[in-house]
């Protein structure tokens, strides 16, 4: 189990840290500009995705370039399909339902945008990473070419 945890941290930690930074920055700017908790929650959710998936795609493409020497359209397509398999089921619920709601409600409940967004991200990650890790392990086992 220790090696699995290390593998998952290696796979997701840097992307998650970037994601948190993007979400926090987006939340602060949108809150200052619009003072609208719904728009703030949506901006934090979507900018979190930009940071997270940007880091994941960069890392995956870099690894495949190292392995194959060059990147072809086929490698991009396999990477894209692999990301859909790994993240698709969890991402759909996370981006369109769970995370926006949590990032809306936690700042209100805690009375603090900073703590509300941060604690909200941690809470949303619980429902996000469980299916992601299951999908990741299934992808490795059954779809080794992705």
N, C-alpha and C. Protein backbone atom coordinates (compact mmCIF):
# COMPACT_ATOMS: atom_id res chain seq x y z
N UNK A 1 0.82 -1.20 0.00
CA UNK A 1 0.00 0.00 0.00
C UNK A 1 0.86 1.26 0.00
N UNK A 2 2.01 1.19 0.66
CA UNK A 2 2.90 2.35 0.73
C UNK A 2 3.39 2.74 -0.67
N UNK A 3 3.70 1.75 -1.49
CA UNK A 3 4.17 2.05 -2.84
C UNK A 3 3.05 2.64 -3.69
N UNK A 4 1.82 2.20 -3.50
CA UNK A 4 0.67 2.76 -4.21
C UNK A 4 0.47 4.22 -3.82
N UNK A 5 0.53 4.49 -2.53
CA UNK A 5 0.36 5.86 -2.07
C UNK A 5 1.44 6.77 -2.67
N UNK A 6 2.66 6.29 -2.70
CA UNK A 6 3.75 7.06 -3.30
C UNK A 6 3.50 7.29 -4.79
N UNK A 7 3.02 6.29 -5.49
CA UNK A 7 2.71 6.40 -6.91
C UNK A 7 1.60 7.44 -7.13
N UNK A 8 0.55 7.38 -6.31
CA UNK A 8 -0.56 8.32 -6.47
C UNK A 8 -0.11 9.75 -6.15
N UNK A 9 0.69 9.90 -5.13
CA UNK A 9 1.21 11.24 -4.81
C UNK A 9 2.07 11.76 -5.95
N UNK A 10 2.90 10.91 -6.51
CA UNK A 10 3.73 11.30 -7.65
C UNK A 10 2.86 11.70 -8.85
N UNK A 11 1.77 11.01 -9.03
CA UNK A 11 0.88 11.28 -10.16
C UNK A 11 0.08 12.57 -9.97
N UNK A 12 -0.42 12.82 -8.76
CA UNK A 12 -1.41 13.88 -8.57
C UNK A 12 -0.97 15.08 -7.72
N UNK A 13 0.04 14.97 -6.89
CA UNK A 13 0.32 16.02 -5.91
C UNK A 13 0.66 17.38 -6.54
N UNK A 14 1.61 17.42 -7.46
CA UNK A 14 2.00 18.70 -8.06
C UNK A 14 0.81 19.32 -8.79
N UNK A 15 0.07 18.50 -9.53
CA UNK A 15 -1.11 19.00 -10.24
C UNK A 15 -2.12 19.54 -9.25
N UNK A 16 -2.28 18.88 -8.12
CA UNK A 16 -3.24 19.33 -7.12
C UNK A 16 -2.81 20.66 -6.49
N UNK A 17 -1.53 20.81 -6.22
CA UNK A 17 -1.04 22.07 -5.65
C UNK A 17 -1.24 23.22 -6.63
N UNK A 18 -0.97 22.98 -7.91
CA UNK A 18 -1.22 23.99 -8.95
C UNK A 18 -2.71 24.30 -9.01
N UNK A 19 -3.52 23.27 -8.95
CA UNK A 19 -4.97 23.42 -8.99
C UNK A 19 -5.47 24.30 -7.84
N UNK A 20 -4.97 24.06 -6.65
CA UNK A 20 -5.37 24.85 -5.48
C UNK A 20 -5.00 26.31 -5.68
N UNK A 21 -3.78 26.55 -6.16
CA UNK A 21 -3.34 27.93 -6.39
C UNK A 21 -4.23 28.63 -7.42
N UNK A 22 -4.52 27.95 -8.53
CA UNK A 22 -5.39 28.53 -9.56
C UNK A 22 -6.78 28.82 -9.00
N UNK A 23 -7.32 27.90 -8.23
CA UNK A 23 -8.66 28.09 -7.66
C UNK A 23 -8.69 29.27 -6.69
N UNK A 24 -7.70 29.36 -5.84
CA UNK A 24 -7.66 30.44 -4.85
C UNK A 24 -7.52 31.80 -5.54
N UNK A 25 -6.63 31.89 -6.51
CA UNK A 25 -6.43 33.15 -7.22
C UNK A 25 -7.70 33.56 -7.97
N UNK A 26 -8.31 32.61 -8.66
CA UNK A 26 -9.55 32.90 -9.39
C UNK A 26 -10.64 33.36 -8.42
N UNK A 27 -10.78 32.69 -7.30
CA UNK A 27 -11.81 33.06 -6.33
C UNK A 27 -11.60 34.48 -5.82
N UNK A 28 -10.36 34.83 -5.50
CA UNK A 28 -10.09 36.17 -4.99
C UNK A 28 -10.41 37.24 -6.03
N UNK A 29 -9.95 37.04 -7.27
CA UNK A 29 -10.18 38.04 -8.31
C UNK A 29 -11.66 38.19 -8.64
N UNK A 30 -12.35 37.09 -8.79
CA UNK A 30 -13.77 37.17 -9.13
C UNK A 30 -14.57 37.76 -7.99
N UNK A 31 -14.21 37.41 -6.76
CA UNK A 31 -14.91 37.98 -5.61
C UNK A 31 -14.70 39.49 -5.54
N UNK A 32 -13.49 39.95 -5.80
CA UNK A 32 -13.21 41.39 -5.79
C UNK A 32 -13.97 42.09 -6.92
N UNK A 33 -13.98 41.48 -8.10
CA UNK A 33 -14.61 42.11 -9.26
C UNK A 33 -16.14 42.07 -9.22
N UNK A 34 -16.71 40.93 -8.84
CA UNK A 34 -18.15 40.74 -9.00
C UNK A 34 -18.94 40.58 -7.70
N UNK A 35 -18.28 40.19 -6.64
CA UNK A 35 -18.96 39.96 -5.35
C UNK A 35 -20.16 39.03 -5.51
N UNK A 36 -19.99 38.00 -6.30
CA UNK A 36 -21.07 37.06 -6.56
C UNK A 36 -20.59 35.66 -6.17
N UNK A 37 -21.10 35.08 -5.09
CA UNK A 37 -20.60 33.78 -4.62
C UNK A 37 -20.77 32.65 -5.63
N UNK A 38 -21.82 32.69 -6.43
CA UNK A 38 -22.03 31.62 -7.42
C UNK A 38 -20.95 31.70 -8.50
N UNK A 39 -20.73 32.90 -9.03
CA UNK A 39 -19.71 33.07 -10.07
C UNK A 39 -18.32 32.79 -9.50
N UNK A 40 -18.10 33.18 -8.26
CA UNK A 40 -16.81 32.90 -7.61
C UNK A 40 -16.57 31.40 -7.51
N UNK A 41 -17.59 30.65 -7.11
CA UNK A 41 -17.46 29.20 -7.00
C UNK A 41 -17.20 28.55 -8.35
N UNK A 42 -17.90 29.02 -9.37
CA UNK A 42 -17.69 28.47 -10.72
C UNK A 42 -16.31 28.81 -11.25
N UNK A 43 -15.86 30.04 -11.04
CA UNK A 43 -14.52 30.43 -11.50
C UNK A 43 -13.44 29.61 -10.79
N UNK A 44 -13.61 29.43 -9.49
CA UNK A 44 -12.63 28.62 -8.74
C UNK A 44 -12.62 27.19 -9.24
N UNK A 45 -13.79 26.64 -9.51
CA UNK A 45 -13.89 25.27 -10.02
C UNK A 45 -13.19 25.13 -11.36
N UNK A 46 -13.52 26.01 -12.28
CA UNK A 46 -12.98 25.87 -13.64
C UNK A 46 -11.50 26.22 -13.72
N UNK A 47 -11.05 27.20 -12.98
CA UNK A 47 -9.61 27.51 -13.00
C UNK A 47 -8.82 26.41 -12.28
N UNK A 48 -9.42 25.78 -11.30
CA UNK A 48 -8.82 24.62 -10.67
C UNK A 48 -8.59 23.53 -11.71
N UNK A 49 -9.58 23.31 -12.56
CA UNK A 49 -9.45 22.32 -13.64
C UNK A 49 -8.35 22.68 -14.61
N UNK A 50 -8.26 23.95 -14.97
CA UNK A 50 -7.21 24.40 -15.89
C UNK A 50 -5.83 24.07 -15.32
N UNK A 51 -5.63 24.42 -14.06
CA UNK A 51 -4.33 24.15 -13.43
C UNK A 51 -4.05 22.66 -13.30
N UNK A 52 -5.04 21.91 -12.83
CA UNK A 52 -4.85 20.48 -12.60
C UNK A 52 -4.58 19.74 -13.91
N UNK A 53 -5.47 19.90 -14.87
CA UNK A 53 -5.32 19.13 -16.12
C UNK A 53 -4.18 19.66 -16.98
N UNK A 54 -3.89 20.93 -16.88
CA UNK A 54 -2.71 21.44 -17.57
C UNK A 54 -1.45 20.75 -17.08
N UNK A 55 -1.33 20.61 -15.77
CA UNK A 55 -0.16 19.94 -15.20
C UNK A 55 -0.13 18.45 -15.55
N UNK A 56 -1.28 17.79 -15.49
CA UNK A 56 -1.35 16.36 -15.81
C UNK A 56 -0.99 16.12 -17.28
N UNK A 57 -1.57 16.91 -18.18
CA UNK A 57 -1.29 16.75 -19.61
C UNK A 57 0.19 17.01 -19.89
N UNK A 58 0.72 18.07 -19.32
CA UNK A 58 2.14 18.37 -19.51
C UNK A 58 3.01 17.21 -19.05
N UNK A 59 2.72 16.68 -17.88
CA UNK A 59 3.49 15.57 -17.33
C UNK A 59 3.38 14.32 -18.20
N UNK A 60 2.15 14.00 -18.64
CA UNK A 60 1.94 12.80 -19.47
C UNK A 60 2.63 12.92 -20.83
N UNK A 61 2.50 14.08 -21.46
CA UNK A 61 3.12 14.28 -22.77
C UNK A 61 4.65 14.27 -22.63
N UNK A 62 5.16 14.88 -21.60
CA UNK A 62 6.61 14.88 -21.36
C UNK A 62 7.13 13.45 -21.17
N UNK A 63 6.41 12.63 -20.42
CA UNK A 63 6.82 11.24 -20.20
C UNK A 63 6.78 10.45 -21.50
N UNK A 64 5.76 10.68 -22.32
CA UNK A 64 5.67 9.96 -23.59
C UNK A 64 6.72 10.42 -24.58
N UNK A 65 7.08 11.69 -24.54
CA UNK A 65 8.15 12.19 -25.40
C UNK A 65 9.48 11.55 -25.01
N UNK A 66 9.71 11.43 -23.72
CA UNK A 66 10.92 10.78 -23.23
C UNK A 66 10.98 9.32 -23.67
N UNK A 67 9.84 8.66 -23.65
CA UNK A 67 9.74 7.25 -24.01
C UNK A 67 9.86 7.03 -25.52
N UNK A 68 9.19 7.87 -26.32
CA UNK A 68 9.12 7.65 -27.77
C UNK A 68 10.05 8.56 -28.58
N UNK A 69 10.60 9.58 -27.97
CA UNK A 69 11.50 10.48 -28.67
C UNK A 69 10.80 11.63 -29.37
N UNK A 70 9.61 11.41 -29.85
CA UNK A 70 8.83 12.49 -30.46
C UNK A 70 7.36 12.27 -30.16
N UNK A 71 6.61 13.31 -30.34
CA UNK A 71 5.18 13.24 -30.07
C UNK A 71 4.44 13.29 -31.40
N UNK A 72 3.59 12.31 -31.61
CA UNK A 72 2.79 12.23 -32.83
C UNK A 72 1.32 12.48 -32.50
N UNK A 73 0.52 12.65 -33.51
CA UNK A 73 -0.92 12.80 -33.31
C UNK A 73 -1.49 11.59 -32.58
N UNK A 74 -1.00 10.41 -32.91
CA UNK A 74 -1.47 9.19 -32.25
C UNK A 74 -1.17 9.22 -30.75
N UNK A 75 -0.01 9.73 -30.37
CA UNK A 75 0.33 9.83 -28.95
C UNK A 75 -0.59 10.83 -28.25
N UNK A 76 -0.87 11.97 -28.90
CA UNK A 76 -1.81 12.93 -28.32
C UNK A 76 -3.19 12.30 -28.13
N UNK A 77 -3.65 11.57 -29.14
CA UNK A 77 -4.96 10.93 -29.04
C UNK A 77 -5.01 9.89 -27.93
N UNK A 78 -3.96 9.07 -27.83
CA UNK A 78 -3.92 8.07 -26.75
C UNK A 78 -3.87 8.74 -25.39
N UNK A 79 -3.15 9.83 -25.29
CA UNK A 79 -3.10 10.57 -24.03
C UNK A 79 -4.48 11.11 -23.68
N UNK A 80 -5.16 11.68 -24.65
CA UNK A 80 -6.50 12.21 -24.43
C UNK A 80 -7.48 11.12 -24.01
N UNK A 81 -7.44 10.00 -24.69
CA UNK A 81 -8.32 8.88 -24.32
C UNK A 81 -8.00 8.37 -22.93
N UNK A 82 -6.72 8.27 -22.63
CA UNK A 82 -6.30 7.84 -21.29
C UNK A 82 -6.80 8.78 -20.21
N UNK A 83 -6.78 10.09 -20.47
CA UNK A 83 -7.28 11.06 -19.51
C UNK A 83 -8.79 10.93 -19.33
N UNK A 84 -9.50 10.68 -20.41
CA UNK A 84 -10.95 10.49 -20.30
C UNK A 84 -11.26 9.25 -19.46
N UNK A 85 -10.53 8.17 -19.69
CA UNK A 85 -10.74 6.94 -18.92
C UNK A 85 -10.44 7.18 -17.44
N UNK A 86 -9.32 7.85 -17.17
CA UNK A 86 -8.88 8.05 -15.79
C UNK A 86 -9.75 9.06 -15.03
N UNK A 87 -10.10 10.16 -15.68
CA UNK A 87 -10.74 11.26 -14.97
C UNK A 87 -12.22 11.47 -15.31
N UNK A 88 -12.67 10.96 -16.45
CA UNK A 88 -14.00 11.25 -16.94
C UNK A 88 -15.14 11.07 -15.96
N UNK A 89 -15.31 9.87 -15.40
CA UNK A 89 -16.45 9.66 -14.50
C UNK A 89 -16.43 10.60 -13.28
N UNK A 90 -15.28 10.74 -12.66
CA UNK A 90 -15.19 11.60 -11.47
C UNK A 90 -15.33 13.07 -11.86
N UNK A 91 -14.75 13.44 -12.98
CA UNK A 91 -14.75 14.85 -13.38
C UNK A 91 -16.14 15.37 -13.69
N UNK A 92 -16.94 14.56 -14.30
CA UNK A 92 -18.29 15.00 -14.65
C UNK A 92 -19.05 15.44 -13.40
N UNK A 93 -19.09 14.60 -12.40
CA UNK A 93 -19.79 14.95 -11.15
C UNK A 93 -19.08 16.09 -10.43
N UNK A 94 -17.76 16.05 -10.42
CA UNK A 94 -16.99 17.05 -9.68
C UNK A 94 -17.18 18.44 -10.26
N UNK A 95 -17.03 18.60 -11.54
CA UNK A 95 -17.05 19.94 -12.15
C UNK A 95 -18.44 20.54 -12.29
N UNK A 96 -19.43 19.70 -12.45
CA UNK A 96 -20.76 20.23 -12.72
C UNK A 96 -21.70 20.20 -11.53
N UNK A 97 -21.31 19.52 -10.47
CA UNK A 97 -22.23 19.42 -9.34
C UNK A 97 -21.53 19.62 -8.00
N UNK A 98 -20.65 18.71 -7.65
CA UNK A 98 -20.11 18.68 -6.29
C UNK A 98 -19.22 19.89 -5.98
N UNK A 99 -18.18 20.10 -6.75
CA UNK A 99 -17.22 21.16 -6.44
C UNK A 99 -17.84 22.57 -6.49
N UNK A 100 -18.61 22.91 -7.53
CA UNK A 100 -19.21 24.25 -7.49
C UNK A 100 -20.11 24.47 -6.26
N UNK A 101 -20.88 23.45 -5.91
CA UNK A 101 -21.75 23.59 -4.73
C UNK A 101 -20.92 23.77 -3.46
N UNK A 102 -19.91 22.93 -3.30
CA UNK A 102 -19.08 23.00 -2.09
C UNK A 102 -18.32 24.33 -2.03
N UNK A 103 -17.79 24.79 -3.18
CA UNK A 103 -17.05 26.06 -3.18
C UNK A 103 -17.98 27.26 -3.06
N UNK A 104 -19.25 27.06 -3.26
CA UNK A 104 -20.24 28.11 -3.00
C UNK A 104 -20.60 28.14 -1.52
N UNK A 105 -20.87 26.97 -0.95
CA UNK A 105 -21.44 26.91 0.40
C UNK A 105 -20.39 27.08 1.52
N UNK A 106 -19.18 26.55 1.33
CA UNK A 106 -18.19 26.60 2.41
C UNK A 106 -17.77 28.02 2.78
N UNK A 107 -17.52 28.92 1.83
CA UNK A 107 -17.20 30.30 2.25
C UNK A 107 -18.34 30.95 3.03
N UNK A 108 -19.57 30.63 2.67
CA UNK A 108 -20.71 31.18 3.39
C UNK A 108 -20.77 30.60 4.80
N UNK A 109 -20.63 29.27 4.90
CA UNK A 109 -20.71 28.62 6.21
C UNK A 109 -19.57 29.03 7.14
N UNK A 110 -18.37 29.19 6.57
CA UNK A 110 -17.21 29.53 7.40
C UNK A 110 -17.02 31.04 7.56
N UNK A 111 -17.73 31.82 6.77
CA UNK A 111 -17.60 33.27 6.87
C UNK A 111 -16.27 33.80 6.39
N UNK A 112 -15.59 33.02 5.57
CA UNK A 112 -14.26 33.42 5.07
C UNK A 112 -14.08 32.85 3.67
N UNK A 113 -13.77 33.72 2.72
CA UNK A 113 -13.52 33.25 1.37
C UNK A 113 -12.29 32.35 1.34
N UNK A 114 -11.22 32.78 1.98
CA UNK A 114 -9.97 32.02 1.96
C UNK A 114 -10.16 30.62 2.53
N UNK A 115 -10.65 30.55 3.76
CA UNK A 115 -10.82 29.24 4.39
C UNK A 115 -11.93 28.44 3.73
N UNK A 116 -12.97 29.11 3.31
CA UNK A 116 -14.07 28.41 2.65
C UNK A 116 -13.66 27.74 1.37
N UNK A 117 -12.89 28.45 0.54
CA UNK A 117 -12.41 27.86 -0.72
C UNK A 117 -11.42 26.74 -0.42
N UNK A 118 -10.48 26.98 0.49
CA UNK A 118 -9.47 25.96 0.78
C UNK A 118 -10.08 24.70 1.38
N UNK A 119 -10.89 24.85 2.41
CA UNK A 119 -11.53 23.68 3.05
C UNK A 119 -12.50 23.03 2.06
N UNK A 120 -13.18 23.83 1.27
CA UNK A 120 -14.07 23.29 0.25
C UNK A 120 -13.33 22.43 -0.77
N UNK A 121 -12.16 22.89 -1.19
CA UNK A 121 -11.35 22.10 -2.12
C UNK A 121 -10.99 20.75 -1.48
N UNK A 122 -10.57 20.78 -0.24
CA UNK A 122 -10.20 19.54 0.45
C UNK A 122 -11.41 18.60 0.55
N UNK A 123 -12.57 19.15 0.86
CA UNK A 123 -13.78 18.32 0.96
C UNK A 123 -14.16 17.75 -0.41
N UNK A 124 -14.11 18.57 -1.44
CA UNK A 124 -14.46 18.08 -2.79
C UNK A 124 -13.47 17.03 -3.26
N UNK A 125 -12.22 17.15 -2.86
CA UNK A 125 -11.21 16.17 -3.27
C UNK A 125 -11.51 14.76 -2.75
N UNK A 126 -12.18 14.67 -1.64
CA UNK A 126 -12.53 13.36 -1.10
C UNK A 126 -13.43 12.61 -2.08
N UNK A 127 -14.44 13.30 -2.59
CA UNK A 127 -15.34 12.65 -3.53
C UNK A 127 -14.73 12.51 -4.92
N UNK A 128 -13.69 13.28 -5.20
CA UNK A 128 -13.07 13.26 -6.52
C UNK A 128 -12.03 12.14 -6.65
N UNK A 129 -11.12 12.06 -5.68
CA UNK A 129 -9.98 11.15 -5.84
C UNK A 129 -10.32 9.68 -5.69
N UNK A 130 -11.34 9.34 -4.97
CA UNK A 130 -11.69 7.92 -4.84
C UNK A 130 -12.01 7.31 -6.20
N UNK A 131 -12.93 7.86 -6.99
CA UNK A 131 -13.16 7.27 -8.31
C UNK A 131 -11.99 7.47 -9.28
N UNK A 132 -11.25 8.57 -9.13
CA UNK A 132 -10.10 8.79 -10.01
C UNK A 132 -9.05 7.70 -9.80
N UNK A 133 -8.74 7.40 -8.57
CA UNK A 133 -7.72 6.38 -8.28
C UNK A 133 -8.19 5.00 -8.75
N UNK A 134 -9.46 4.71 -8.55
CA UNK A 134 -9.99 3.44 -9.04
C UNK A 134 -9.86 3.38 -10.57
N UNK A 135 -10.23 4.45 -11.26
CA UNK A 135 -10.12 4.49 -12.71
C UNK A 135 -8.67 4.40 -13.17
N UNK A 136 -7.78 5.07 -12.47
CA UNK A 136 -6.35 5.02 -12.78
C UNK A 136 -5.82 3.59 -12.69
N UNK A 137 -6.17 2.91 -11.61
CA UNK A 137 -5.70 1.53 -11.43
C UNK A 137 -6.31 0.60 -12.48
N UNK A 138 -7.56 0.81 -12.82
CA UNK A 138 -8.20 -0.01 -13.86
C UNK A 138 -7.55 0.26 -15.22
N UNK A 139 -7.26 1.53 -15.49
CA UNK A 139 -6.61 1.90 -16.75
C UNK A 139 -5.25 1.21 -16.86
N UNK A 140 -4.50 1.22 -15.78
CA UNK A 140 -3.17 0.57 -15.80
C UNK A 140 -3.30 -0.92 -16.03
N UNK A 141 -4.30 -1.53 -15.44
CA UNK A 141 -4.45 -2.98 -15.53
C UNK A 141 -4.99 -3.43 -16.88
N UNK A 142 -5.99 -2.72 -17.39
CA UNK A 142 -6.68 -3.20 -18.59
C UNK A 142 -6.35 -2.44 -19.87
N UNK A 143 -5.84 -1.24 -19.75
CA UNK A 143 -5.55 -0.43 -20.93
C UNK A 143 -4.10 0.03 -20.89
N UNK A 144 -3.19 -0.88 -20.87
CA UNK A 144 -1.77 -0.57 -20.69
C UNK A 144 -1.19 0.32 -21.78
N UNK A 145 -1.77 0.33 -22.96
CA UNK A 145 -1.23 1.13 -24.06
C UNK A 145 -1.59 2.59 -23.97
N UNK A 146 -2.50 2.95 -23.05
CA UNK A 146 -2.89 4.36 -22.91
C UNK A 146 -1.96 4.99 -21.94
